[in-house]
C-alpha atoms as a PDB file:
ATOM      1  CA  UNK A   1    -108.841-145.536  32.526  1.00  0.00           C
ATOM      2  CA  UNK A   2    -109.104-143.143  29.675  1.00  0.00           C
ATOM      3  CA  UNK A   3    -109.624-139.395  29.592  1.00  0.00           C
ATOM      4  CA  UNK A   4    -111.661-136.994  27.075  1.00  0.00           C
ATOM      5  CA  UNK A   5    -111.026-133.450  26.684  1.00  0.00           C
ATOM      6  CA  UNK A   6    -112.617-130.758  24.599  1.00  0.00           C
ATOM      7  CA  UNK A   7    -110.984-129.811  21.383  1.00  0.00           C
ATOM      8  CA  UNK A   8    -112.157-126.976  19.140  1.00  0.00           C
ATOM      9  CA  UNK A   9    -110.478-125.479  16.055  1.00  0.00           C
ATOM     10  CA  UNK A  10    -109.506-121.731  16.113  1.00  0.00           C
ATOM     11  CA  UNK A  11    -110.204-121.433  12.531  1.00  0.00           C
ATOM     12  CA  UNK A  12    -113.227-123.696  11.389  1.00  0.00           C
ATOM     13  CA  UNK A  13    -115.895-125.271  13.083  1.00  0.00           C
ATOM     14  CA  UNK A  14    -114.427-128.687  13.802  1.00  0.00           C
ATOM     15  CA  UNK A  15    -114.802-129.446  17.547  1.00  0.00           C
ATOM     16  CA  UNK A  16    -115.012-132.490  19.561  1.00  0.00           C
ATOM     17  CA  UNK A  17    -114.856-134.523  23.074  1.00  0.00           C
ATOM     18  CA  UNK A  18    -112.072-137.116  22.397  1.00  0.00           C
ATOM     19  CA  UNK A  19    -108.939-138.330  24.058  1.00  0.00           C
ATOM     20  CA  UNK A  20    -106.679-136.438  21.715  1.00  0.00           C
ATOM     21  CA  UNK A  21    -104.552-139.497  20.688  1.00  0.00           C
ATOM     22  CA  UNK A  22    -104.197-143.316  21.877  1.00  0.00           C
ATOM     23  CA  UNK A  23    -106.457-144.277  24.994  1.00  0.00           C
ATOM     24  CA  UNK A  24    -107.227-147.268  26.778  1.00  0.00           C
ATOM     25  CA  UNK A  25    -109.966-148.622  28.824  1.00  0.00           C
ATOM     26  CA  UNK A  26    -110.725-151.973  30.471  1.00  0.00           C
ATOM     27  CA  UNK A  27    -112.171-153.614  27.439  1.00  0.00           C
ATOM     28  CA  UNK A  28    -111.086-151.439  24.438  1.00  0.00           C
ATOM     29  CA  UNK A  29    -107.978-149.396  23.098  1.00  0.00           C
ATOM     30  CA  UNK A  30    -108.966-146.305  21.022  1.00  0.00           C
ATOM     31  CA  UNK A  31    -107.371-143.722  18.679  1.00  0.00           C
ATOM     32  CA  UNK A  32    -108.719-140.147  17.829  1.00  0.00           C
ATOM     33  CA  UNK A  33    -109.302-139.629  14.309  1.00  0.00           C
ATOM     34  CA  UNK A  34    -111.179-137.555  11.720  1.00  0.00           C
ATOM     35  CA  UNK A  35    -114.059-139.370   9.854  1.00  0.00           C
ATOM     36  CA  UNK A  36    -113.573-137.955   6.298  1.00  0.00           C
ATOM     37  CA  UNK A  37    -117.426-139.115   5.493  1.00  0.00           C
ATOM     38  CA  UNK A  38    -119.269-137.343   8.438  1.00  0.00           C
ATOM     39  CA  UNK A  39    -116.404-134.551   9.055  1.00  0.00           C
ATOM     40  CA  UNK A  40    -116.180-135.487  12.869  1.00  0.00           C
ATOM     41  CA  UNK A  41    -113.515-135.705  15.317  1.00  0.00           C
ATOM     42  CA  UNK A  42    -113.982-138.979  16.959  1.00  0.00           C
ATOM     43  CA  UNK A  43    -112.227-141.617  19.044  1.00  0.00           C
ATOM     44  CA  UNK A  44    -112.418-144.997  17.219  1.00  0.00           C
ATOM     45  CA  UNK A  45    -111.717-148.480  18.458  1.00  0.00           C
ATOM     46  CA  UNK A  46    -108.628-149.923  17.578  1.00  0.00           C
ATOM     47  CA  UNK A  47    -108.121-153.064  19.544  1.00  0.00           C
ATOM     48  CA  UNK A  48    -110.735-155.201  21.860  1.00  0.00           C
ATOM     49  CA  UNK A  49    -109.148-156.789  24.973  1.00  0.00           C
ATOM     50  CA  UNK A  50    -112.117-159.159  24.928  1.00  0.00           C
ATOM     51  CA  UNK A  51    -112.261-161.994  22.132  1.00  0.00           C
ATOM     52  CA  UNK A  52    -116.366-161.853  22.679  1.00  0.00           C
ATOM     53  CA  UNK A  53    -116.643-158.325  21.137  1.00  0.00           C
ATOM     54  CA  UNK A  54    -117.078-157.997  17.222  1.00  0.00           C
ATOM     55  CA  UNK A  55    -113.771-157.456  15.695  1.00  0.00           C
ATOM     56  CA  UNK A  56    -115.461-156.115  12.538  1.00  0.00           C
ATOM     57  CA  UNK A  57    -116.120-153.016  14.458  1.00  0.00           C
ATOM     58  CA  UNK A  58    -112.561-151.898  14.700  1.00  0.00           C
ATOM     59  CA  UNK A  59    -111.196-148.969  13.008  1.00  0.00           C
ATOM     60  CA  UNK A  60    -114.604-147.640  11.763  1.00  0.00           C
ATOM     61  CA  UNK A  61    -116.621-144.442  12.717  1.00  0.00           C
ATOM     62  CA  UNK A  62    -119.217-145.376  15.586  1.00  0.00           C
ATOM     63  CA  UNK A  63    -121.371-142.396  13.924  1.00  0.00           C
ATOM     64  CA  UNK A  64    -121.391-143.401  10.236  1.00  0.00           C
ATOM     65  CA  UNK A  65    -119.633-147.093   9.888  1.00  0.00           C
ATOM     66  CA  UNK A  66    -116.974-145.598   7.599  1.00  0.00           C
ATOM     67  CA  UNK A  67    -113.293-146.807   7.721  1.00  0.00           C
ATOM     68  CA  UNK A  68    -112.219-143.580   6.011  1.00  0.00           C
ATOM     69  CA  UNK A  69    -110.485-142.273   9.049  1.00  0.00           C
ATOM     70  CA  UNK A  70    -107.372-139.952   9.324  1.00  0.00           C
ATOM     71  CA  UNK A  71    -105.691-140.791  12.623  1.00  0.00           C
ATOM     72  CA  UNK A  72    -105.230-137.618  14.756  1.00  0.00           C
ATOM     73  CA  UNK A  73    -103.249-136.651  17.943  1.00  0.00           C
ATOM     74  CA  UNK A  74    -103.434-133.555  19.812  1.00  0.00           C
ATOM     75  CA  UNK A  75    -100.591-131.005  18.894  1.00  0.00           C
ATOM     76  CA  UNK A  76    -101.221-131.623  15.156  1.00  0.00           C
ATOM     77  CA  UNK A  77    -102.794-129.335  12.873  1.00  0.00           C
ATOM     78  CA  UNK A  78    -106.730-129.477  12.364  1.00  0.00           C
ATOM     79  CA  UNK A  79    -107.526-132.345   9.821  1.00  0.00           C
ATOM     80  CA  UNK A  80    -110.243-130.167   8.425  1.00  0.00           C
ATOM     81  CA  UNK A  81    -108.612-126.862   7.706  1.00  0.00           C
ATOM     82  CA  UNK A  82    -104.880-126.963   9.080  1.00  0.00           C
ATOM     83  CA  UNK A  83    -105.565-124.754  11.906  1.00  0.00           C
ATOM     84  CA  UNK A  84    -104.786-124.757  15.281  1.00  0.00           C
ATOM     85  CA  UNK A  85    -106.838-127.442  17.346  1.00  0.00           C
ATOM     86  CA  UNK A  86    -105.891-126.969  20.970  1.00  0.00           C
ATOM     87  CA  UNK A  87    -106.958-129.067  23.828  1.00  0.00           C
ATOM     88  CA  UNK A  88    -109.411-127.691  26.218  1.00  0.00           C
ATOM     89  CA  UNK A  89    -110.452-128.628  29.744  1.00  0.00           C
ATOM     90  CA  UNK A  90    -110.898-132.161  30.789  1.00  0.00           C
ATOM     91  CA  UNK A  91    -114.432-133.455  30.397  1.00  0.00           C
ATOM     92  CA  UNK A  92    -114.555-136.977  31.735  1.00  0.00           C
ATOM     93  CA  UNK A  93    -112.900-140.322  32.612  1.00  0.00           C
ATOM     94  CA  UNK A  94    -113.969-143.518  30.831  1.00  0.00           C
ATOM     95  CA  UNK A  95    -113.216-147.313  31.444  1.00  0.00           C
END
């Protein structure tokens, strides 16, 4: 079961509700990243645990379809401005 947390940069407007790194559910493994096309912090699919799911959707932004993603993990600088991007409160569990 994966978890999502709120993140908000202290210097710019970047924010998101994401895992903050690698996460896994029953059918999918995800990674948090920054989409350079839509300038959003997202969790993107890196591996499907079910062969019936479309493998073409891996490592792409679910918002715009771009594969221009920068892997990001909590504790690293904000991918947009280099500022502090602290983890906020727990928002939800997913599976």
